[in-house]
Amino acid sequence: MRKLSREQRADIAAIAAKKEENIDLSEMPEVVDWSGAEMGKFYRPPKKSVTMRLDQDVLDWLKGYGKGYQTRVNSLLRHAMTSSGGATPAGTARTRPRRLNRHRTIG
């Protein structure tokens, strides 16, 4: 990181010393239309490294879309989790994930 000059440090100190009501915001109008805002766009939950065993054809399919197959796996799993109602915080009543009806036996 570049070292600040004496003049730059003085400018920063002068700005920091200003009271909020003395700051001129005329060139920076307040945003009042939030219709295009996206919630959680910059939130990134902490990641945990895991080892998964996937079928080769599934892995080939994921990698076939280019770089970022692990992110793609995470997105697909997150979609499955939220659409199944499994997005509950830790410590709530349901501690086990819901079973997916993948292996339903037809009698």
PDB file of N, CA and C in Angstrom:
ATOM      1  N   MET A   1       0.845  -1.174   0.000  1.00  0.00           N
ATOM      2  CA  MET A   1       0.000   0.000   0.000  1.00  0.00           C
ATOM      3  C   MET A   1       0.891   1.238   0.000  1.00  0.00           C
ATOM      4  N   ARG A   2       0.488   2.224  -0.794  1.00  0.00           N
ATOM      5  CA  ARG A   2       1.262   3.449  -0.926  1.00  0.00           C
ATOM      6  C   ARG A   2       1.120   4.304   0.322  1.00  0.00           C
ATOM      7  N   LYS A   3       2.215   4.910   0.745  1.00  0.00           N
ATOM      8  CA  LYS A   3       2.209   5.772   1.914  1.00  0.00           C
ATOM      9  C   LYS A   3       1.566   7.111   1.557  1.00  0.00           C
ATOM     10  N   LEU A   4       0.729   7.637   2.448  1.00  0.00           N
ATOM     11  CA  LEU A   4       0.051   8.908   2.207  1.00  0.00           C
ATOM     12  C   LEU A   4       0.997  10.070   2.458  1.00  0.00           C
ATOM     13  N   SER A   5       0.831  11.121   1.647  1.00  0.00           N
ATOM     14  CA  SER A   5       1.636  12.326   1.854  1.00  0.00           C
ATOM     15  C   SER A   5       1.083  13.106   3.039  1.00  0.00           C
ATOM     16  N   ARG A   6       1.848  14.076   3.487  1.00  0.00           N
ATOM     17  CA  ARG A   6       1.427  14.917   4.602  1.00  0.00           C
ATOM     18  C   ARG A   6       0.142  15.677   4.230  1.00  0.00           C
ATOM     19  N   GLU A   7       0.079  16.142   2.983  1.00  0.00           N
ATOM     20  CA  GLU A   7      -1.106  16.873   2.507  1.00  0.00           C
ATOM     21  C   GLU A   7      -2.341  15.965   2.480  1.00  0.00           C
ATOM     22  N   GLN A   8      -2.182  14.720   2.018  1.00  0.00           N
ATOM     23  CA  GLN A   8      -3.299  13.775   1.983  1.00  0.00           C
ATOM     24  C   GLN A   8      -3.801  13.461   3.382  1.00  0.00           C
ATOM     25  N   ARG A   9      -2.876  13.268   4.319  1.00  0.00           N
ATOM     26  CA  ARG A   9      -3.275  13.001   5.712  1.00  0.00           C
ATOM     27  C   ARG A   9      -4.032  14.191   6.295  1.00  0.00           C
ATOM     28  N   ALA A  10      -3.590  15.418   5.956  1.00  0.00           N
ATOM     29  CA  ALA A  10      -4.269  16.626   6.441  1.00  0.00           C
ATOM     30  C   ALA A  10      -5.680  16.716   5.854  1.00  0.00           C
ATOM     31  N   ASP A  11      -5.829  16.396   4.567  1.00  0.00           N
ATOM     32  CA  ASP A  11      -7.153  16.422   3.923  1.00  0.00           C
ATOM     33  C   ASP A  11      -8.090  15.406   4.582  1.00  0.00           C
ATOM     34  N   ILE A  12      -7.594  14.212   4.837  1.00  0.00           N
ATOM     35  CA  ILE A  12      -8.409  13.174   5.474  1.00  0.00           C
ATOM     36  C   ILE A  12      -8.823  13.606   6.872  1.00  0.00           C
ATOM     37  N   ALA A  13      -7.898  14.191   7.625  1.00  0.00           N
ATOM     38  CA  ALA A  13      -8.211  14.650   8.981  1.00  0.00           C
ATOM     39  C   ALA A  13      -9.257  15.755   8.947  1.00  0.00           C
ATOM     40  N   ALA A  14      -9.162  16.665   7.969  1.00  0.00           N
ATOM     41  CA  ALA A  14     -10.131  17.760   7.864  1.00  0.00           C
ATOM     42  C   ALA A  14     -11.521  17.237   7.534  1.00  0.00           C
ATOM     43  N   ILE A  15     -11.600  16.261   6.647  1.00  0.00           N
ATOM     44  CA  ILE A  15     -12.892  15.661   6.290  1.00  0.00           C
ATOM     45  C   ILE A  15     -13.479  14.922   7.480  1.00  0.00           C
ATOM     46  N   ALA A  16     -12.660  14.168   8.179  1.00  0.00           N
ATOM     47  CA  ALA A  16     -13.134  13.403   9.335  1.00  0.00           C
ATOM     48  C   ALA A  16     -13.624  14.312  10.453  1.00  0.00           C
ATOM     49  N   ALA A  17     -13.064  15.513  10.550  1.00  0.00           N
ATOM     50  CA  ALA A  17     -13.444  16.431  11.619  1.00  0.00           C
ATOM     51  C   ALA A  17     -14.759  17.159  11.330  1.00  0.00           C
ATOM     52  N   LYS A  18     -15.229  17.136  10.096  1.00  0.00           N
ATOM     53  CA  LYS A  18     -16.467  17.841   9.742  1.00  0.00           C
ATOM     54  C   LYS A  18     -17.674  17.188  10.417  1.00  0.00           C
ATOM     55  N   LYS A  19     -18.604  18.011  10.796  1.00  0.00           N
ATOM     56  CA  LYS A  19     -19.863  17.509  11.332  1.00  0.00           C
ATOM     57  C   LYS A  19     -20.756  17.137  10.163  1.00  0.00           C
ATOM     58  N   GLU A  20     -21.628  16.171  10.374  1.00  0.00           N
ATOM     59  CA  GLU A  20     -22.479  15.658   9.299  1.00  0.00           C
ATOM     60  C   GLU A  20     -23.302  16.751   8.630  1.00  0.00           C
ATOM     61  N   GLU A  21     -23.820  17.687   9.413  1.00  0.00           N
ATOM     62  CA  GLU A  21     -24.664  18.739   8.840  1.00  0.00           C
ATOM     63  C   GLU A  21     -23.867  19.737   7.988  1.00  0.00           C
ATOM     64  N   ASN A  22     -22.549  19.732   8.097  1.00  0.00           N
ATOM     65  CA  ASN A  22     -21.711  20.643   7.312  1.00  0.00           C
ATOM     66  C   ASN A  22     -21.165  20.003   6.039  1.00  0.00           C
ATOM     67  N   ILE A  23     -21.561  18.782   5.753  1.00  0.00           N
ATOM     68  CA  ILE A  23     -21.075  18.104   4.553  1.00  0.00           C
ATOM     69  C   ILE A  23     -22.029  18.410   3.403  1.00  0.00           C
ATOM     70  N   ASP A  24     -21.491  18.884   2.280  1.00  0.00           N
ATOM     71  CA  ASP A  24     -22.288  19.256   1.110  1.00  0.00           C
ATOM     72  C   ASP A  24     -22.566  18.005   0.273  1.00  0.00           C
ATOM     73  N   LEU A  25     -23.821  17.594   0.199  1.00  0.00           N
ATOM     74  CA  LEU A  25     -24.226  16.421  -0.574  1.00  0.00           C
ATOM     75  C   LEU A  25     -24.985  16.805  -1.842  1.00  0.00           C
ATOM     76  N   SER A  26     -24.884  18.078  -2.256  1.00  0.00           N
ATOM     77  CA  SER A  26     -25.670  18.546  -3.400  1.00  0.00           C
ATOM     78  C   SER A  26     -25.295  17.842  -4.701  1.00  0.00           C
ATOM     79  N   GLU A  27     -24.049  17.423  -4.838  1.00  0.00           N
ATOM     80  CA  GLU A  27     -23.631  16.729  -6.057  1.00  0.00           C
ATOM     81  C   GLU A  27     -23.880  15.228  -5.973  1.00  0.00           C
ATOM     82  N   MET A  28     -24.417  14.777  -4.860  1.00  0.00           N
ATOM     83  CA  MET A  28     -24.680  13.355  -4.660  1.00  0.00           C
ATOM     84  C   MET A  28     -26.110  13.206  -4.149  1.00  0.00           C
ATOM     85  N   PRO A  29     -27.079  13.235  -5.074  1.00  0.00           N
ATOM     86  CA  PRO A  29     -28.482  13.167  -4.633  1.00  0.00           C
ATOM     87  C   PRO A  29     -28.798  11.826  -3.966  1.00  0.00           C
ATOM     88  N   GLU A  30     -29.732  11.868  -3.045  1.00  0.00           N
ATOM     89  CA  GLU A  30     -30.151  10.668  -2.322  1.00  0.00           C
ATOM     90  C   GLU A  30     -30.898   9.719  -3.254  1.00  0.00           C
ATOM     91  N   VAL A  31     -30.614   8.447  -3.131  1.00  0.00           N
ATOM     92  CA  VAL A  31     -31.305   7.430  -3.934  1.00  0.00           C
ATOM     93  C   VAL A  31     -32.632   7.122  -3.253  1.00  0.00           C
ATOM     94  N   VAL A  32     -33.733   7.317  -3.994  1.00  0.00           N
ATOM     95  CA  VAL A  32     -35.046   7.045  -3.421  1.00  0.00           C
ATOM     96  C   VAL A  32     -35.746   5.891  -4.124  1.00  0.00           C
ATOM     97  N   ASP A  33     -35.259   5.499  -5.297  1.00  0.00           N
ATOM     98  CA  ASP A  33     -35.870   4.395  -6.033  1.00  0.00           C
ATOM     99  C   ASP A  33     -35.020   3.145  -5.851  1.00  0.00           C
ATOM    100  N   TRP A  34     -35.475   2.215  -5.029  1.00  0.00           N
ATOM    101  CA  TRP A  34     -34.741   0.980  -4.744  1.00  0.00           C
ATOM    102  C   TRP A  34     -35.337  -0.207  -5.498  1.00  0.00           C
ATOM    103  N   SER A  35     -36.148   0.052  -6.532  1.00  0.00           N
ATOM    104  CA  SER A  35     -36.826  -1.032  -7.237  1.00  0.00           C
ATOM    105  C   SER A  35     -35.850  -1.980  -7.937  1.00  0.00           C
ATOM    106  N   GLY A  36     -34.680  -1.494  -8.313  1.00  0.00           N
ATOM    107  CA  GLY A  36     -33.707  -2.358  -8.988  1.00  0.00           C
ATOM    108  C   GLY A  36     -32.717  -3.009  -8.032  1.00  0.00           C
ATOM    109  N   ALA A  37     -32.876  -2.798  -6.744  1.00  0.00           N
ATOM    110  CA  ALA A  37     -31.946  -3.345  -5.763  1.00  0.00           C
ATOM    111  C   ALA A  37     -32.112  -4.856  -5.638  1.00  0.00           C
ATOM    112  N   GLU A  38     -31.026  -5.535  -5.348  1.00  0.00           N
ATOM    113  CA  GLU A  38     -31.043  -6.984  -5.150  1.00  0.00           C
ATOM    114  C   GLU A  38     -30.601  -7.295  -3.733  1.00  0.00           C
ATOM    115  N   MET A  39     -31.467  -7.990  -2.986  1.00  0.00           N
ATOM    116  CA  MET A  39     -31.115  -8.353  -1.618  1.00  0.00           C
ATOM    117  C   MET A  39     -30.103  -9.480  -1.620  1.00  0.00           C
ATOM    118  N   GLY A  40     -29.105  -9.355  -0.783  1.00  0.00           N
ATOM    119  CA  GLY A  40     -28.123 -10.414  -0.606  1.00  0.00           C
ATOM    120  C   GLY A  40     -27.141 -10.568  -1.755  1.00  0.00           C
ATOM    121  N   LYS A  41     -27.084  -9.600  -2.649  1.00  0.00           N
ATOM    122  CA  LYS A  41     -26.219  -9.728  -3.823  1.00  0.00           C
ATOM    123  C   LYS A  41     -24.755  -9.872  -3.430  1.00  0.00           C
ATOM    124  N   PHE A  42     -24.335  -9.163  -2.396  1.00  0.00           N
ATOM    125  CA  PHE A  42     -22.931  -9.188  -2.013  1.00  0.00           C
ATOM    126  C   PHE A  42     -22.672 -10.039  -0.777  1.00  0.00           C
ATOM    127  N   TYR A  43     -23.701 -10.660  -0.238  1.00  0.00           N
ATOM    128  CA  TYR A  43     -23.509 -11.543   0.914  1.00  0.00           C
ATOM    129  C   TYR A  43     -22.962 -12.876   0.442  1.00  0.00           C
ATOM    130  N   ARG A  44     -21.925 -13.322   1.053  1.00  0.00           N
ATOM    131  CA  ARG A  44     -21.344 -14.616   0.727  1.00  0.00           C
ATOM    132  C   ARG A  44     -21.236 -15.437   2.007  1.00  0.00           C
ATOM    133  N   PRO A  45     -22.066 -16.469   2.151  1.00  0.00           N
ATOM    134  CA  PRO A  45     -21.966 -17.279   3.362  1.00  0.00           C
ATOM    135  C   PRO A  45     -20.596 -17.956   3.433  1.00  0.00           C
ATOM    136  N   PRO A  46     -20.128 -18.251   4.631  1.00  0.00           N
ATOM    137  CA  PRO A  46     -18.830 -18.920   4.752  1.00  0.00           C
ATOM    138  C   PRO A  46     -18.864 -20.290   4.081  1.00  0.00           C
ATOM    139  N   LYS A  47     -17.776 -20.641   3.459  1.00  0.00           N
ATOM    140  CA  LYS A  47     -17.678 -21.931   2.764  1.00  0.00           C
ATOM    141  C   LYS A  47     -16.948 -22.935   3.644  1.00  0.00           C
ATOM    142  N   LYS A  48     -17.247 -24.188   3.443  1.00  0.00           N
ATOM    143  CA  LYS A  48     -16.574 -25.275   4.150  1.00  0.00           C
ATOM    144  C   LYS A  48     -16.114 -26.272   3.103  1.00  0.00           C
ATOM    145  N   SER A  49     -14.866 -26.659   3.178  1.00  0.00           N
ATOM    146  CA  SER A  49     -14.312 -27.612   2.228  1.00  0.00           C
ATOM    147  C   SER A  49     -14.817 -29.013   2.570  1.00  0.00           C
ATOM    148  N   VAL A  50     -15.353 -29.697   1.565  1.00  0.00           N
ATOM    149  CA  VAL A  50     -15.847 -31.060   1.744  1.00  0.00           C
ATOM    150  C   VAL A  50     -15.385 -31.921   0.575  1.00  0.00           C
ATOM    151  N   THR A  51     -15.453 -33.209   0.774  1.00  0.00           N
ATOM    152  CA  THR A  51     -15.167 -34.145  -0.307  1.00  0.00           C
ATOM    153  C   THR A  51     -16.472 -34.822  -0.674  1.00  0.00           C
ATOM    154  N   MET A  52     -16.785 -34.830  -1.972  1.00  0.00           N
ATOM    155  CA  MET A  52     -18.008 -35.469  -2.457  1.00  0.00           C
ATOM    156  C   MET A  52     -17.645 -36.440  -3.555  1.00  0.00           C
ATOM    157  N   ARG A  53     -18.364 -37.518  -3.606  1.00  0.00           N
ATOM    158  CA  ARG A  53     -18.187 -38.474  -4.696  1.00  0.00           C
ATOM    159  C   ARG A  53     -19.385 -38.340  -5.613  1.00  0.00           C
ATOM    160  N   LEU A  54     -19.118 -37.979  -6.867  1.00  0.00           N
ATOM    161  CA  LEU A  54     -20.177 -37.787  -7.850  1.00  0.00           C
ATOM    162  C   LEU A  54     -20.003 -38.788  -8.973  1.00  0.00           C
ATOM    163  N   ASP A  55     -21.103 -39.174  -9.597  1.00  0.00           N
ATOM    164  CA  ASP A  55     -21.031 -40.026 -10.779  1.00  0.00           C
ATOM    165  C   ASP A  55     -20.278 -39.263 -11.873  1.00  0.00           C
ATOM    166  N   GLN A  56     -19.500 -39.984 -12.650  1.00  0.00           N
ATOM    167  CA  GLN A  56     -18.677 -39.358 -13.675  1.00  0.00           C
ATOM    168  C   GLN A  56     -19.508 -38.565 -14.680  1.00  0.00           C
ATOM    169  N   ASP A  57     -20.665 -39.103 -15.072  1.00  0.00           N
ATOM    170  CA  ASP A  57     -21.478 -38.385 -16.048  1.00  0.00           C
ATOM    171  C   ASP A  57     -22.043 -37.087 -15.475  1.00  0.00           C
ATOM    172  N   VAL A  58     -22.340 -37.072 -14.173  1.00  0.00           N
ATOM    173  CA  VAL A  58     -22.820 -35.856 -13.518  1.00  0.00           C
ATOM    174  C   VAL A  58     -21.702 -34.816 -13.490  1.00  0.00           C
ATOM    175  N   LEU A  59     -20.502 -35.251 -13.139  1.00  0.00           N
ATOM    176  CA  LEU A  59     -19.365 -34.341 -13.103  1.00  0.00           C
ATOM    177  C   LEU A  59     -19.063 -33.789 -14.496  1.00  0.00           C
ATOM    178  N   ASP A  60     -19.114 -34.647 -15.498  1.00  0.00           N
ATOM    179  CA  ASP A  60     -18.889 -34.197 -16.878  1.00  0.00           C
ATOM    180  C   ASP A  60     -19.925 -33.147 -17.290  1.00  0.00           C
ATOM    181  N   TRP A  61     -21.182 -33.380 -16.902  1.00  0.00           N
ATOM    182  CA  TRP A  61     -22.256 -32.439 -17.224  1.00  0.00           C
ATOM    183  C   TRP A  61     -21.992 -31.090 -16.558  1.00  0.00           C
ATOM    184  N   LEU A  62     -21.615 -31.116 -15.263  1.00  0.00           N
ATOM    185  CA  LEU A  62     -21.341 -29.873 -14.540  1.00  0.00           C
ATOM    186  C   LEU A  62     -20.167 -29.118 -15.146  1.00  0.00           C
ATOM    187  N   LYS A  63     -19.110 -29.837 -15.481  1.00  0.00           N
ATOM    188  CA  LYS A  63     -17.921 -29.206 -16.054  1.00  0.00           C
ATOM    189  C   LYS A  63     -18.149 -28.782 -17.500  1.00  0.00           C
ATOM    190  N   GLY A  64     -19.147 -29.368 -18.154  1.00  0.00           N
ATOM    191  CA  GLY A  64     -19.445 -29.037 -19.537  1.00  0.00           C
ATOM    192  C   GLY A  64     -19.897 -27.597 -19.743  1.00  0.00           C
ATOM    193  N   TYR A  65     -20.316 -26.938 -18.680  1.00  0.00           N
ATOM    194  CA  TYR A  65     -20.740 -25.543 -18.767  1.00  0.00           C
ATOM    195  C   TYR A  65     -19.576 -24.576 -18.571  1.00  0.00           C
ATOM    196  N   GLY A  66     -18.365 -25.099 -18.409  1.00  0.00           N
ATOM    197  CA  GLY A  66     -17.194 -24.238 -18.241  1.00  0.00           C
ATOM    198  C   GLY A  66     -16.755 -24.156 -16.792  1.00  0.00           C
ATOM    199  N   LYS A  67     -15.916 -23.157 -16.533  1.00  0.00           N
ATOM    200  CA  LYS A  67     -15.368 -22.973 -15.182  1.00  0.00           C
ATOM    201  C   LYS A  67     -16.474 -22.752 -14.166  1.00  0.00           C
ATOM    202  N   GLY A  68     -16.180 -23.098 -12.918  1.00  0.00           N
ATOM    203  CA  GLY A  68     -17.111 -22.835 -11.831  1.00  0.00           C
ATOM    204  C   GLY A  68     -18.061 -23.969 -11.518  1.00  0.00           C
ATOM    205  N   TYR A  69     -17.655 -25.206 -11.768  1.00  0.00           N
ATOM    206  CA  TYR A  69     -18.582 -26.318 -11.530  1.00  0.00           C
ATOM    207  C   TYR A  69     -18.908 -26.474 -10.048  1.00  0.00           C
ATOM    208  N   GLN A  70     -17.962 -26.147  -9.154  1.00  0.00           N
ATOM    209  CA  GLN A  70     -18.254 -26.267  -7.723  1.00  0.00           C
ATOM    210  C   GLN A  70     -19.287 -25.227  -7.299  1.00  0.00           C
ATOM    211  N   THR A  71     -19.189 -24.032  -7.847  1.00  0.00           N
ATOM    212  CA  THR A  71     -20.193 -23.005  -7.582  1.00  0.00           C
ATOM    213  C   THR A  71     -21.544 -23.452  -8.117  1.00  0.00           C
ATOM    214  N   ARG A  72     -21.535 -24.100  -9.275  1.00  0.00           N
ATOM    215  CA  ARG A  72     -22.770 -24.613  -9.879  1.00  0.00           C
ATOM    216  C   ARG A  72     -23.404 -25.675  -8.976  1.00  0.00           C
ATOM    217  N   VAL A  73     -22.585 -26.588  -8.440  1.00  0.00           N
ATOM    218  CA  VAL A  73     -23.089 -27.612  -7.517  1.00  0.00           C
ATOM    219  C   VAL A  73     -23.727 -26.934  -6.310  1.00  0.00           C
ATOM    220  N   ASN A  74     -23.042 -25.922  -5.754  1.00  0.00           N
ATOM    221  CA  ASN A  74     -23.571 -25.215  -4.588  1.00  0.00           C
ATOM    222  C   ASN A  74     -24.908 -24.553  -4.919  1.00  0.00           C
ATOM    223  N   SER A  75     -25.005 -23.928  -6.095  1.00  0.00           N
ATOM    224  CA  SER A  75     -26.253 -23.267  -6.490  1.00  0.00           C
ATOM    225  C   SER A  75     -27.389 -24.271  -6.649  1.00  0.00           C
ATOM    226  N   LEU A  76     -27.099 -25.406  -7.275  1.00  0.00           N
ATOM    227  CA  LEU A  76     -28.125 -26.435  -7.449  1.00  0.00           C
ATOM    228  C   LEU A  76     -28.588 -26.991  -6.107  1.00  0.00           C
ATOM    229  N   LEU A  77     -27.654 -27.228  -5.203  1.00  0.00           N
ATOM    230  CA  LEU A  77     -28.019 -27.738  -3.876  1.00  0.00           C
ATOM    231  C   LEU A  77     -28.783 -26.686  -3.076  1.00  0.00           C
ATOM    232  N   ARG A  78     -28.374 -25.416  -3.181  1.00  0.00           N
ATOM    233  CA  ARG A  78     -29.089 -24.354  -2.471  1.00  0.00           C
ATOM    234  C   ARG A  78     -30.523 -24.244  -2.984  1.00  0.00           C
ATOM    235  N   HIS A  79     -30.699 -24.335  -4.308  1.00  0.00           N
ATOM    236  CA  HIS A  79     -32.047 -24.284  -4.884  1.00  0.00           C
ATOM    237  C   HIS A  79     -32.889 -25.459  -4.364  1.00  0.00           C
ATOM    238  N   ALA A  80     -32.313 -26.652  -4.342  1.00  0.00           N
ATOM    239  CA  ALA A  80     -33.040 -27.816  -3.822  1.00  0.00           C
ATOM    240  C   ALA A  80     -33.394 -27.622  -2.352  1.00  0.00           C
ATOM    241  N   MET A  81     -32.458 -27.057  -1.585  1.00  0.00           N
ATOM    242  CA  MET A  81     -32.682 -26.846  -0.159  1.00  0.00           C
ATOM    243  C   MET A  81     -33.818 -25.853   0.074  1.00  0.00           C
ATOM    244  N   THR A  82     -33.777 -24.711  -0.620  1.00  0.00           N
ATOM    245  CA  THR A  82     -34.788 -23.690  -0.375  1.00  0.00           C
ATOM    246  C   THR A  82     -36.151 -24.081  -0.933  1.00  0.00           C
ATOM    247  N   SER A  83     -36.188 -24.806  -2.048  1.00  0.00           N
ATOM    248  CA  SER A  83     -37.485 -25.179  -2.616  1.00  0.00           C
ATOM    249  C   SER A  83     -38.136 -26.332  -1.858  1.00  0.00           C
ATOM    250  N   SER A  84     -37.348 -27.068  -1.067  1.00  0.00           N
ATOM    251  CA  SER A  84     -37.931 -28.146  -0.277  1.00  0.00           C
ATOM    252  C   SER A  84     -38.288 -27.689   1.129  1.00  0.00           C
ATOM    253  N   GLY A  85     -38.072 -26.412   1.394  1.00  0.00           N
ATOM    254  CA  GLY A  85     -38.368 -25.893   2.723  1.00  0.00           C
ATOM    255  C   GLY A  85     -37.285 -26.220   3.721  1.00  0.00           C
ATOM    256  N   GLY A  86     -36.113 -26.565   3.263  1.00  0.00           N
ATOM    257  CA  GLY A  86     -35.040 -26.974   4.161  1.00  0.00           C
ATOM    258  C   GLY A  86     -34.149 -25.867   4.652  1.00  0.00           C
ATOM    259  N   ALA A  87     -34.464 -24.623   4.339  1.00  0.00           N
ATOM    260  CA  ALA A  87     -33.607 -23.520   4.748  1.00  0.00           C
ATOM    261  C   ALA A  87     -33.973 -23.052   6.142  1.00  0.00           C
ATOM    262  N   THR A  88     -33.815 -23.903   7.147  1.00  0.00           N
ATOM    263  CA  THR A  88     -34.117 -23.530   8.524  1.00  0.00           C
ATOM    264  C   THR A  88     -32.809 -23.322   9.268  1.00  0.00           C
ATOM    265  N   PRO A  89     -32.767 -22.364  10.180  1.00  0.00           N
ATOM    266  CA  PRO A  89     -31.545 -22.112  10.935  1.00  0.00           C
ATOM    267  C   PRO A  89     -31.201 -23.295  11.834  1.00  0.00           C
ATOM    268  N   ALA A  90     -29.931 -23.421  12.159  1.00  0.00           N
ATOM    269  CA  ALA A  90     -29.486 -24.488  13.055  1.00  0.00           C
ATOM    270  C   ALA A  90     -30.138 -24.308  14.422  1.00  0.00           C
ATOM    271  N   GLY A  91     -30.441 -25.407  15.061  1.00  0.00           N
ATOM    272  CA  GLY A  91     -31.024 -25.355  16.389  1.00  0.00           C
ATOM    273  C   GLY A  91     -32.537 -25.280  16.408  1.00  0.00           C
ATOM    274  N   THR A  92     -33.181 -25.355  15.263  1.00  0.00           N
ATOM    275  CA  THR A  92     -34.636 -25.330  15.243  1.00  0.00           C
ATOM    276  C   THR A  92     -35.149 -26.754  15.392  1.00  0.00           C
ATOM    277  N   ALA A  93     -36.461 -26.899  15.393  1.00  0.00           N
ATOM    278  CA  ALA A  93     -37.076 -28.203  15.665  1.00  0.00           C
ATOM    279  C   ALA A  93     -36.633 -29.279  14.675  1.00  0.00           C
ATOM    280  N   ARG A  94     -36.571 -28.932  13.385  1.00  0.00           N
ATOM    281  CA  ARG A  94     -36.191 -29.951  12.409  1.00  0.00           C
ATOM    282  C   ARG A  94     -34.675 -29.978  12.289  1.00  0.00           C
ATOM    283  N   THR A  95     -34.059 -31.072  12.701  1.00  0.00           N
ATOM    284  CA  THR A  95     -32.599 -31.160  12.689  1.00  0.00           C
ATOM    285  C   THR A  95     -32.098 -31.999  11.533  1.00  0.00           C
ATOM    286  N   ARG A  96     -32.964 -32.837  10.954  1.00  0.00           N
ATOM    287  CA  ARG A  96     -32.557 -33.663   9.819  1.00  0.00           C
ATOM    288  C   ARG A  96     -33.160 -33.108   8.547  1.00  0.00           C
ATOM    289  N   PRO A  97     -32.416 -33.130   7.430  1.00  0.00           N
ATOM    290  CA  PRO A  97     -32.991 -32.643   6.182  1.00  0.00           C
ATOM    291  C   PRO A  97     -34.128 -33.534   5.712  1.00  0.00           C
ATOM    292  N   ARG A  98     -35.050 -32.947   4.959  1.00  0.00           N
ATOM    293  CA  ARG A  98     -36.138 -33.743   4.402  1.00  0.00           C
ATOM    294  C   ARG A  98     -35.594 -34.740   3.400  1.00  0.00           C
ATOM    295  N   ARG A  99     -36.214 -35.904   3.342  1.00  0.00           N
ATOM    296  CA  ARG A  99     -35.826 -36.915   2.352  1.00  0.00           C
ATOM    297  C   ARG A  99     -36.428 -36.544   1.009  1.00  0.00           C
ATOM    298  N   LEU A 100     -35.628 -36.666  -0.007  1.00  0.00           N
ATOM    299  CA  LEU A 100     -36.141 -36.453  -1.346  1.00  0.00           C
ATOM    300  C   LEU A 100     -36.799 -37.744  -1.819  1.00  0.00           C
ATOM    301  N   ASN A 101     -37.918 -37.655  -2.493  1.00  0.00           N
ATOM    302  CA  ASN A 101     -38.655 -38.840  -2.953  1.00  0.00           C
ATOM    303  C   ASN A 101     -38.033 -39.406  -4.219  1.00  0.00           C
ATOM    304  N   ARG A 102     -36.777 -39.705  -4.163  1.00  0.00           N
ATOM    305  CA  ARG A 102     -36.084 -40.216  -5.345  1.00  0.00           C
ATOM    306  C   ARG A 102     -36.285 -41.710  -5.521  1.00  0.00           C
ATOM    307  N   HIS A 103     -36.322 -42.442  -4.425  1.00  0.00           N
ATOM    308  CA  HIS A 103     -36.392 -43.906  -4.500  1.00  0.00           C
ATOM    309  C   HIS A 103     -37.733 -44.396  -3.982  1.00  0.00           C
ATOM    310  N   ARG A 104     -38.804 -43.831  -4.483  1.00  0.00           N
ATOM    311  CA  ARG A 104     -40.124 -44.258  -4.037  1.00  0.00           C
ATOM    312  C   ARG A 104     -40.467 -45.580  -4.725  1.00  0.00           C
ATOM    313  N   THR A 105     -40.904 -46.528  -3.934  1.00  0.00           N
ATOM    314  CA  THR A 105     -41.272 -47.839  -4.458  1.00  0.00           C
ATOM    315  C   THR A 105     -42.745 -47.837  -4.859  1.00  0.00           C
ATOM    316  N   ILE A 106     -43.013 -48.317  -6.055  1.00  0.00           N
ATOM    317  CA  ILE A 106     -44.393 -48.413  -6.509  1.00  0.00           C
ATOM    318  C   ILE A 106     -44.874 -49.819  -6.221  1.00  0.00           C
ATOM    319  N   GLY A 107     -45.930 -49.951  -5.430  1.00  0.00           N
ATOM    320  CA  GLY A 107     -46.390 -51.251  -4.965  1.00  0.00           C
ATOM    321  C   GLY A 107     -47.365 -51.814  -5.854  1.00  0.00           C
TER     322      GLY A 107
END
